């Protein structure tokens, strides 16, 4: 699963997808709350965390519990923001 999540992050970071423009358009401020719906590998979740800082909250939401676990592990060492994870995986 980690390789798939990393692939999602590479794609999100690709300049042709304009990640900097997306972040600029959102104009996130310290202390805000934001949801990353379809968090994938967490590229934007981590970028959002940098923007909202210690007083902010990032909600990472995905239908793939494996990707959410990857995001959770990726942010474990980043204590600058509150993360909340949701997996919307279907249960059989």
Protein backbone atom coordinates (compact mmCIF):
# COMPACT_ATOMS: atom_id res chain seq x y z
CA UNK A 1 0.00 0.00 0.00
CA UNK A 2 2.85 2.39 0.75
CA UNK A 3 4.02 2.35 -2.87
CA UNK A 4 0.53 3.24 -4.09
CA UNK A 5 0.25 6.07 -1.56
CA UNK A 6 3.68 7.38 -2.58
CA UNK A 7 2.57 7.30 -6.22
CA UNK A 8 -0.47 9.43 -5.28
CA UNK A 9 1.85 11.91 -3.54
CA UNK A 10 4.18 12.15 -6.55
CA UNK A 11 1.20 12.82 -8.78
CA UNK A 12 -0.23 15.47 -6.43
CA UNK A 13 3.18 17.19 -6.22
CA UNK A 14 3.67 17.24 -9.99
CA UNK A 15 3.91 20.90 -11.11
CA UNK A 16 1.53 20.27 -14.02
CA UNK A 17 -1.19 19.67 -11.39
CA UNK A 18 -0.46 23.11 -9.90
CA UNK A 19 -0.23 22.20 -6.18
CA UNK A 20 1.18 25.63 -5.29
CA UNK A 21 -1.73 27.33 -7.04
CA UNK A 22 -4.19 25.15 -5.14
CA UNK A 23 -2.59 26.10 -1.82
CA UNK A 24 -2.46 29.77 -2.74
CA UNK A 25 -6.14 29.73 -3.74
CA UNK A 26 -7.13 28.16 -0.42
CA UNK A 27 -5.24 30.89 1.45
CA UNK A 28 -5.17 28.83 4.64
CA UNK A 29 -4.38 30.66 7.87
CA UNK A 30 -2.94 29.59 11.20
CA UNK A 31 -5.59 27.98 13.41
CA UNK A 32 -8.02 27.02 10.65
CA UNK A 33 -9.63 23.62 10.17
CA UNK A 34 -9.61 21.89 6.79
CA UNK A 35 -10.70 18.54 5.40
CA UNK A 36 -8.62 16.68 2.84
CA UNK A 37 -11.35 14.57 1.25
CA UNK A 38 -9.80 11.83 -0.83
CA UNK A 39 -6.55 12.25 1.08
CA UNK A 40 -4.74 9.53 -0.87
CA UNK A 41 -1.11 9.48 0.26
CA UNK A 42 -1.53 12.65 2.31
CA UNK A 43 0.44 15.11 0.17
CA UNK A 44 -2.09 17.88 0.69
CA UNK A 45 -2.83 16.83 4.27
CA UNK A 46 0.81 17.52 5.12
CA UNK A 47 0.87 20.77 3.17
CA UNK A 48 -2.35 21.86 4.89
CA UNK A 49 -0.75 21.07 8.26
CA UNK A 50 2.13 23.42 7.50
CA UNK A 51 -0.36 26.17 6.67
CA UNK A 52 -2.74 25.82 9.64
CA UNK A 53 -0.02 25.23 12.23
CA UNK A 54 -0.25 23.99 15.81
CA UNK A 55 -3.64 25.57 16.47
CA UNK A 56 -5.17 24.15 13.29
CA UNK A 57 -6.83 20.84 12.52
CA UNK A 58 -6.52 18.70 9.39
CA UNK A 59 -9.15 16.03 8.74
CA UNK A 60 -7.75 13.37 6.38
CA UNK A 61 -10.57 11.36 4.79
CA UNK A 62 -10.31 8.49 2.32
CA UNK A 63 -12.20 5.36 1.33
CA UNK A 64 -9.00 3.30 1.50
CA UNK A 65 -8.02 2.48 5.08
CA UNK A 66 -4.51 1.55 3.90
CA UNK A 67 -3.93 5.05 2.58
CA UNK A 68 -5.24 6.56 5.81
CA UNK A 69 -2.80 4.36 7.73
CA UNK A 70 0.02 5.63 5.48
CA UNK A 71 -0.98 9.23 6.20
CA UNK A 72 -1.17 8.45 9.92
CA UNK A 73 2.36 7.05 9.91
CA UNK A 74 3.64 9.94 7.79
CA UNK A 75 2.44 12.55 10.25
CA UNK A 76 3.35 10.66 13.43
CA UNK A 77 6.55 12.66 13.78
CA UNK A 78 4.86 15.95 12.88
CA UNK A 79 3.39 17.27 16.09
CA UNK A 80 2.71 20.78 14.84
CA UNK A 81 -0.97 20.20 14.09
CA UNK A 82 -3.93 18.10 15.13
CA UNK A 83 -4.78 15.40 12.61
CA UNK A 84 -8.01 13.45 12.59
CA UNK A 85 -8.32 10.44 10.28
CA UNK A 86 -11.41 8.89 8.79
CA UNK A 87 -11.57 5.79 6.68
CA UNK A 88 -14.76 5.43 4.72
CA UNK A 89 -13.89 1.93 3.57
CA UNK A 90 -16.84 -0.31 2.87
CA UNK A 91 -17.33 -3.13 5.27
CA UNK A 92 -18.53 -6.41 3.82
